[in-house]
Amino acid sequence: MSQRVSGQVIAASYYDDMPFSLVLFRFLWPFWLLKDASSGDRLTRAAAYRHNRDMRIYLPGYLVRWMVSCLATLGMTMGLGALANHTSGETGILNVLAAGSGMAFACGVCVWVVTAYIYVFLSRHES
């Protein structure tokens, strides 16, 4: 796509044409950048590995995003857990919300660890 501004043609952003859900997916999920380097013939695998090594420079940004989201969900878990302890009753909605945010924290830590491993592996192994 391109736009005309005062007689000049300016290329529009690729993200302008995407739905918001896809933009959010690409903003948070680092694995869409990488190709499968375990299938195909030897040249295809080597090309995919070179591509993955080139894309590793974007992984620290994703690590920061996932660290912030993990800290936010950990804070929500601790806050909702403390709030649930101060309220009386059996299993309330606050306990369920605390458990849900705790599960989101655990999933976020898993994504963070896998992304960090991929980054270190691709940075250390040349071939």
N, C-alpha and C. Protein backbone atom coordinates (compact mmCIF):
# COMPACT_ATOMS: atom_id res chain seq x y z
N MET A 1 0.83 -1.18 0.00
CA MET A 1 0.00 0.00 0.00
C MET A 1 0.88 1.24 0.00
N SER A 2 0.39 2.27 -0.59
CA SER A 2 1.11 3.54 -0.57
C SER A 2 0.10 4.67 -0.41
N GLN A 3 0.55 5.78 0.10
CA GLN A 3 -0.30 6.95 0.32
C GLN A 3 0.32 8.12 -0.42
N ARG A 4 -0.52 9.03 -0.87
CA ARG A 4 -0.04 10.25 -1.52
C ARG A 4 -0.21 11.40 -0.54
N VAL A 5 0.91 12.06 -0.26
CA VAL A 5 0.90 13.24 0.59
C VAL A 5 1.56 14.36 -0.18
N SER A 6 0.79 15.37 -0.53
CA SER A 6 1.25 16.55 -1.27
C SER A 6 2.08 16.18 -2.50
N GLY A 7 1.55 15.23 -3.27
CA GLY A 7 2.20 14.86 -4.51
C GLY A 7 3.28 13.80 -4.38
N GLN A 8 3.70 13.44 -3.17
CA GLN A 8 4.73 12.42 -2.97
C GLN A 8 4.08 11.11 -2.58
N VAL A 9 4.66 10.03 -3.03
CA VAL A 9 4.16 8.71 -2.68
C VAL A 9 4.93 8.21 -1.47
N ILE A 10 4.21 7.91 -0.40
CA ILE A 10 4.82 7.42 0.83
C ILE A 10 4.28 6.02 1.09
N ALA A 11 5.19 5.09 1.34
CA ALA A 11 4.79 3.71 1.61
C ALA A 11 4.14 3.63 2.98
N ALA A 12 2.96 3.00 3.03
CA ALA A 12 2.26 2.81 4.30
C ALA A 12 2.87 1.63 5.04
N SER A 13 2.67 1.63 6.32
CA SER A 13 3.20 0.55 7.15
C SER A 13 2.47 -0.75 6.84
N TYR A 14 3.20 -1.84 6.90
CA TYR A 14 2.61 -3.15 6.70
C TYR A 14 1.61 -3.47 7.80
N TYR A 15 1.84 -2.94 8.98
CA TYR A 15 0.96 -3.21 10.12
C TYR A 15 -0.38 -2.50 10.00
N ASP A 16 -0.47 -1.50 9.12
CA ASP A 16 -1.75 -0.82 8.94
C ASP A 16 -2.81 -1.74 8.34
N ASP A 17 -2.38 -2.72 7.57
CA ASP A 17 -3.31 -3.62 6.90
C ASP A 17 -3.64 -4.85 7.74
N MET A 18 -2.93 -5.07 8.83
CA MET A 18 -3.15 -6.26 9.66
C MET A 18 -4.26 -6.03 10.68
N PRO A 19 -4.98 -7.10 11.02
CA PRO A 19 -5.91 -6.96 12.15
C PRO A 19 -5.14 -6.81 13.46
N PHE A 20 -5.79 -6.18 14.43
CA PHE A 20 -5.13 -5.90 15.70
C PHE A 20 -4.67 -7.18 16.40
N SER A 21 -5.44 -8.25 16.27
CA SER A 21 -5.06 -9.51 16.93
C SER A 21 -3.73 -10.04 16.40
N LEU A 22 -3.49 -9.90 15.10
CA LEU A 22 -2.23 -10.36 14.52
C LEU A 22 -1.06 -9.46 14.94
N VAL A 23 -1.31 -8.17 15.02
CA VAL A 23 -0.27 -7.24 15.48
C VAL A 23 0.10 -7.55 16.93
N LEU A 24 -0.91 -7.80 17.77
CA LEU A 24 -0.66 -8.15 19.17
C LEU A 24 0.09 -9.47 19.28
N PHE A 25 -0.30 -10.44 18.45
CA PHE A 25 0.38 -11.73 18.43
C PHE A 25 1.85 -11.56 18.09
N ARG A 26 2.15 -10.79 17.06
CA ARG A 26 3.55 -10.58 16.66
C ARG A 26 4.31 -9.73 17.67
N PHE A 27 3.62 -8.87 18.39
CA PHE A 27 4.27 -8.05 19.41
C PHE A 27 4.70 -8.90 20.61
N LEU A 28 3.92 -9.92 20.95
CA LEU A 28 4.19 -10.70 22.16
C LEU A 28 4.86 -12.05 21.89
N TRP A 29 4.63 -12.67 20.76
CA TRP A 29 5.09 -14.03 20.53
C TRP A 29 6.36 -14.03 19.68
N PRO A 30 7.51 -14.38 20.26
CA PRO A 30 8.77 -14.27 19.52
C PRO A 30 9.00 -15.38 18.51
N PHE A 31 8.26 -16.46 18.59
CA PHE A 31 8.58 -17.63 17.78
C PHE A 31 8.07 -17.52 16.35
N TRP A 32 7.29 -16.49 16.03
CA TRP A 32 6.86 -16.32 14.64
C TRP A 32 8.02 -15.87 13.76
N LEU A 33 9.08 -15.35 14.38
CA LEU A 33 10.24 -14.90 13.62
C LEU A 33 11.09 -16.05 13.09
N LEU A 34 11.04 -17.18 13.78
CA LEU A 34 11.98 -18.27 13.52
C LEU A 34 11.41 -19.30 12.55
N LYS A 35 12.31 -19.94 11.82
CA LYS A 35 11.92 -21.00 10.89
C LYS A 35 12.34 -22.34 11.46
N ASP A 36 11.69 -23.40 10.98
CA ASP A 36 11.99 -24.76 11.42
C ASP A 36 13.28 -25.22 10.76
N ALA A 37 14.31 -25.43 11.56
CA ALA A 37 15.61 -25.85 11.05
C ALA A 37 15.83 -27.35 11.23
N SER A 38 14.75 -28.08 11.47
CA SER A 38 14.91 -29.52 11.68
C SER A 38 14.30 -30.35 10.55
N SER A 39 13.73 -29.72 9.55
CA SER A 39 13.13 -30.49 8.46
C SER A 39 13.69 -30.00 7.12
N GLY A 40 13.58 -30.87 6.14
CA GLY A 40 14.08 -30.55 4.81
C GLY A 40 15.47 -31.13 4.60
N ASP A 41 16.00 -30.85 3.41
CA ASP A 41 17.35 -31.33 3.13
C ASP A 41 18.38 -30.45 3.84
N ARG A 42 19.63 -30.78 3.65
CA ARG A 42 20.71 -30.11 4.40
C ARG A 42 20.79 -28.63 4.08
N LEU A 43 20.62 -28.26 2.82
CA LEU A 43 20.69 -26.85 2.44
C LEU A 43 19.50 -26.05 3.00
N THR A 44 18.33 -26.67 3.02
CA THR A 44 17.15 -26.00 3.57
C THR A 44 17.32 -25.77 5.07
N ARG A 45 17.83 -26.77 5.77
CA ARG A 45 18.07 -26.62 7.21
C ARG A 45 19.12 -25.56 7.49
N ALA A 46 20.17 -25.52 6.67
CA ALA A 46 21.22 -24.51 6.86
C ALA A 46 20.68 -23.11 6.60
N ALA A 47 19.84 -22.97 5.58
CA ALA A 47 19.24 -21.66 5.30
C ALA A 47 18.32 -21.23 6.44
N ALA A 48 17.54 -22.16 6.98
CA ALA A 48 16.66 -21.83 8.11
C ALA A 48 17.47 -21.46 9.34
N TYR A 49 18.58 -22.15 9.57
CA TYR A 49 19.42 -21.82 10.72
C TYR A 49 20.07 -20.44 10.57
N ARG A 50 20.52 -20.13 9.35
CA ARG A 50 21.07 -18.79 9.11
C ARG A 50 20.00 -17.72 9.32
N HIS A 51 18.80 -18.01 8.87
CA HIS A 51 17.69 -17.07 9.09
C HIS A 51 17.45 -16.87 10.58
N ASN A 52 17.44 -17.95 11.33
CA ASN A 52 17.22 -17.86 12.78
C ASN A 52 18.34 -17.08 13.46
N ARG A 53 19.57 -17.28 13.01
CA ARG A 53 20.69 -16.52 13.58
C ARG A 53 20.55 -15.03 13.27
N ASP A 54 20.05 -14.70 12.10
CA ASP A 54 19.83 -13.30 11.75
C ASP A 54 18.69 -12.69 12.57
N MET A 55 17.69 -13.48 12.90
CA MET A 55 16.53 -12.97 13.63
C MET A 55 16.76 -12.90 15.14
N ARG A 56 17.87 -13.46 15.62
CA ARG A 56 18.12 -13.48 17.07
C ARG A 56 18.29 -12.07 17.65
N ILE A 57 18.60 -11.09 16.84
CA ILE A 57 18.79 -9.73 17.36
C ILE A 57 17.49 -9.14 17.89
N TYR A 58 16.35 -9.70 17.50
CA TYR A 58 15.07 -9.20 17.98
C TYR A 58 14.63 -9.86 19.29
N LEU A 59 15.27 -10.93 19.67
CA LEU A 59 14.84 -11.68 20.85
C LEU A 59 15.03 -10.92 22.18
N PRO A 60 16.06 -10.11 22.39
CA PRO A 60 16.13 -9.38 23.65
C PRO A 60 14.94 -8.44 23.90
N GLY A 61 14.40 -7.87 22.84
CA GLY A 61 13.20 -7.06 22.99
C GLY A 61 12.02 -7.87 23.49
N TYR A 62 11.89 -9.08 22.96
CA TYR A 62 10.83 -9.97 23.44
C TYR A 62 11.09 -10.41 24.87
N LEU A 63 12.35 -10.61 25.23
CA LEU A 63 12.67 -10.97 26.62
C LEU A 63 12.24 -9.87 27.58
N VAL A 64 12.45 -8.63 27.20
CA VAL A 64 12.04 -7.50 28.05
C VAL A 64 10.52 -7.47 28.16
N ARG A 65 9.82 -7.66 27.05
CA ARG A 65 8.35 -7.66 27.09
C ARG A 65 7.81 -8.74 27.99
N TRP A 66 8.38 -9.95 27.88
CA TRP A 66 7.90 -11.04 28.71
C TRP A 66 8.30 -10.87 30.17
N MET A 67 9.44 -10.24 30.42
CA MET A 67 9.82 -9.95 31.80
C MET A 67 8.83 -8.98 32.44
N VAL A 68 8.45 -7.95 31.71
CA VAL A 68 7.49 -6.98 32.23
C VAL A 68 6.13 -7.64 32.46
N SER A 69 5.70 -8.48 31.51
CA SER A 69 4.41 -9.15 31.69
C SER A 69 4.46 -10.14 32.85
N CYS A 70 5.59 -10.81 33.04
CA CYS A 70 5.73 -11.73 34.18
C CYS A 70 5.70 -10.97 35.50
N LEU A 71 6.38 -9.83 35.55
CA LEU A 71 6.34 -9.03 36.77
C LEU A 71 4.94 -8.51 37.05
N ALA A 72 4.21 -8.14 36.01
CA ALA A 72 2.83 -7.66 36.19
C ALA A 72 1.92 -8.78 36.70
N THR A 73 2.03 -9.96 36.12
CA THR A 73 1.18 -11.06 36.59
C THR A 73 1.59 -11.54 37.97
N LEU A 74 2.89 -11.48 38.30
CA LEU A 74 3.31 -11.82 39.66
C LEU A 74 2.75 -10.82 40.66
N GLY A 75 2.79 -9.55 40.31
CA GLY A 75 2.21 -8.53 41.19
C GLY A 75 0.70 -8.73 41.36
N MET A 76 0.02 -9.08 40.27
CA MET A 76 -1.42 -9.35 40.37
C MET A 76 -1.67 -10.56 41.25
N THR A 77 -0.87 -11.59 41.11
CA THR A 77 -1.04 -12.80 41.92
C THR A 77 -0.85 -12.49 43.40
N MET A 78 0.20 -11.77 43.72
CA MET A 78 0.47 -11.45 45.12
C MET A 78 -0.60 -10.51 45.68
N GLY A 79 -0.99 -9.52 44.90
CA GLY A 79 -2.00 -8.59 45.37
C GLY A 79 -3.35 -9.24 45.55
N LEU A 80 -3.79 -10.03 44.60
CA LEU A 80 -5.08 -10.71 44.72
C LEU A 80 -5.05 -11.76 45.82
N GLY A 81 -3.89 -12.42 45.99
CA GLY A 81 -3.79 -13.40 47.08
C GLY A 81 -3.87 -12.73 48.44
N ALA A 82 -3.21 -11.60 48.59
CA ALA A 82 -3.27 -10.88 49.86
C ALA A 82 -4.67 -10.33 50.10
N LEU A 83 -5.31 -9.85 49.06
CA LEU A 83 -6.67 -9.34 49.18
C LEU A 83 -7.65 -10.45 49.52
N ALA A 84 -7.43 -11.64 48.96
CA ALA A 84 -8.31 -12.77 49.24
C ALA A 84 -8.14 -13.26 50.67
N ASN A 85 -6.94 -13.13 51.24
CA ASN A 85 -6.73 -13.56 52.62
C ASN A 85 -7.44 -12.64 53.61
N HIS A 86 -7.60 -11.38 53.25
CA HIS A 86 -8.24 -10.44 54.16
C HIS A 86 -9.76 -10.51 54.11
N THR A 87 -10.31 -11.09 53.07
CA THR A 87 -11.76 -11.22 52.99
C THR A 87 -12.18 -12.55 53.58
N SER A 88 -13.35 -12.57 54.13
CA SER A 88 -13.85 -13.81 54.74
C SER A 88 -14.63 -14.60 53.70
N GLY A 89 -14.71 -15.87 53.90
CA GLY A 89 -15.46 -16.72 52.98
C GLY A 89 -14.62 -17.90 52.54
N GLU A 90 -15.30 -18.78 51.85
CA GLU A 90 -14.62 -19.97 51.35
C GLU A 90 -13.79 -19.61 50.11
N THR A 91 -14.00 -20.29 49.04
CA THR A 91 -13.27 -20.01 47.82
C THR A 91 -13.98 -18.90 47.07
N GLY A 92 -13.43 -17.71 47.15
CA GLY A 92 -14.05 -16.57 46.51
C GLY A 92 -13.49 -16.31 45.14
N ILE A 93 -14.04 -15.30 44.51
CA ILE A 93 -13.59 -14.94 43.17
C ILE A 93 -12.16 -14.43 43.19
N LEU A 94 -11.74 -13.82 44.30
CA LEU A 94 -10.37 -13.32 44.38
C LEU A 94 -9.34 -14.45 44.37
N ASN A 95 -9.70 -15.57 45.01
CA ASN A 95 -8.81 -16.74 44.97
C ASN A 95 -8.69 -17.31 43.56
N VAL A 96 -9.80 -17.33 42.84
CA VAL A 96 -9.79 -17.84 41.47
C VAL A 96 -8.97 -16.90 40.59
N LEU A 97 -9.14 -15.60 40.75
CA LEU A 97 -8.35 -14.64 39.97
C LEU A 97 -6.87 -14.73 40.31
N ALA A 98 -6.55 -14.92 41.59
CA ALA A 98 -5.15 -15.07 41.98
C ALA A 98 -4.54 -16.33 41.37
N ALA A 99 -5.31 -17.42 41.36
CA ALA A 99 -4.81 -18.66 40.76
C ALA A 99 -4.64 -18.50 39.26
N GLY A 100 -5.56 -17.81 38.60
CA GLY A 100 -5.45 -17.59 37.16
C GLY A 100 -4.25 -16.73 36.80
N SER A 101 -4.02 -15.68 37.57
CA SER A 101 -2.86 -14.84 37.27
C SER A 101 -1.56 -15.57 37.63
N GLY A 102 -1.61 -16.46 38.61
CA GLY A 102 -0.43 -17.28 38.91
C GLY A 102 -0.11 -18.25 37.78
N MET A 103 -1.15 -18.81 37.16
CA MET A 103 -0.92 -19.68 36.01
C MET A 103 -0.38 -18.88 34.82
N ALA A 104 -0.87 -17.67 34.63
CA ALA A 104 -0.35 -16.82 33.56
C ALA A 104 1.12 -16.48 33.83
N PHE A 105 1.47 -16.26 35.09
CA PHE A 105 2.86 -16.01 35.45
C PHE A 105 3.74 -17.22 35.13
N ALA A 106 3.26 -18.42 35.47
CA ALA A 106 4.05 -19.63 35.20
C ALA A 106 4.24 -19.84 33.70
N CYS A 107 3.21 -19.59 32.90
CA CYS A 107 3.34 -19.72 31.44
C CYS A 107 4.30 -18.66 30.90
N GLY A 108 4.24 -17.46 31.44
CA GLY A 108 5.14 -16.39 31.00
C GLY A 108 6.59 -16.71 31.31
N VAL A 109 6.84 -17.30 32.47
CA VAL A 109 8.20 -17.69 32.83
C VAL A 109 8.71 -18.77 31.87
N CYS A 110 7.84 -19.70 31.49
CA CYS A 110 8.24 -20.74 30.54
C CYS A 110 8.62 -20.13 29.19
N VAL A 111 7.81 -19.21 28.69
CA VAL A 111 8.12 -18.55 27.41
C VAL A 111 9.42 -17.78 27.53
N TRP A 112 9.63 -17.10 28.66
CA TRP A 112 10.85 -16.32 28.87
C TRP A 112 12.08 -17.22 28.86
N VAL A 113 12.00 -18.36 29.55
CA VAL A 113 13.15 -19.27 29.62
C VAL A 113 13.47 -19.86 28.24
N VAL A 114 12.45 -20.26 27.50
CA VAL A 114 12.68 -20.84 26.18
C VAL A 114 13.27 -19.78 25.24
N THR A 115 12.76 -18.56 25.29
CA THR A 115 13.29 -17.49 24.45
C THR A 115 14.73 -17.17 24.81
N ALA A 116 15.04 -17.14 26.10
CA ALA A 116 16.41 -16.87 26.53
C ALA A 116 17.34 -17.99 26.07
N TYR A 117 16.89 -19.23 26.15
CA TYR A 117 17.71 -20.35 25.70
C TYR A 117 17.98 -20.26 24.20
N ILE A 118 16.95 -19.96 23.43
CA ILE A 118 17.11 -19.84 21.98
C ILE A 118 18.09 -18.72 21.65
N TYR A 119 17.98 -17.60 22.35
CA TYR A 119 18.88 -16.48 22.09
C TYR A 119 20.34 -16.87 22.40
N VAL A 120 20.57 -17.50 23.54
CA VAL A 120 21.93 -17.90 23.91
C VAL A 120 22.45 -18.95 22.94
N PHE A 121 21.61 -19.92 22.59
CA PHE A 121 22.04 -20.97 21.66
C PHE A 121 22.42 -20.38 20.31
N LEU A 122 21.59 -19.51 19.77
CA LEU A 122 21.88 -18.94 18.45
C LEU A 122 23.06 -17.97 18.49
N SER A 123 23.33 -17.39 19.64
CA SER A 123 24.47 -16.47 19.76
C SER A 123 25.78 -17.23 19.90
N ARG A 124 25.75 -18.42 20.46
CA ARG A 124 26.98 -19.15 20.75
C ARG A 124 27.38 -20.15 19.68
N HIS A 125 26.45 -20.63 18.89
CA HIS A 125 26.74 -21.69 17.92
C HIS A 125 26.73 -21.10 16.52
N GLU A 126 27.89 -21.03 15.93
CA GLU A 126 28.05 -20.45 14.60
C GLU A 126 27.46 -21.32 13.51
N SER A 127 27.68 -22.63 13.60
CA SER A 127 27.22 -23.49 12.51
C SER A 127 26.14 -24.43 12.97
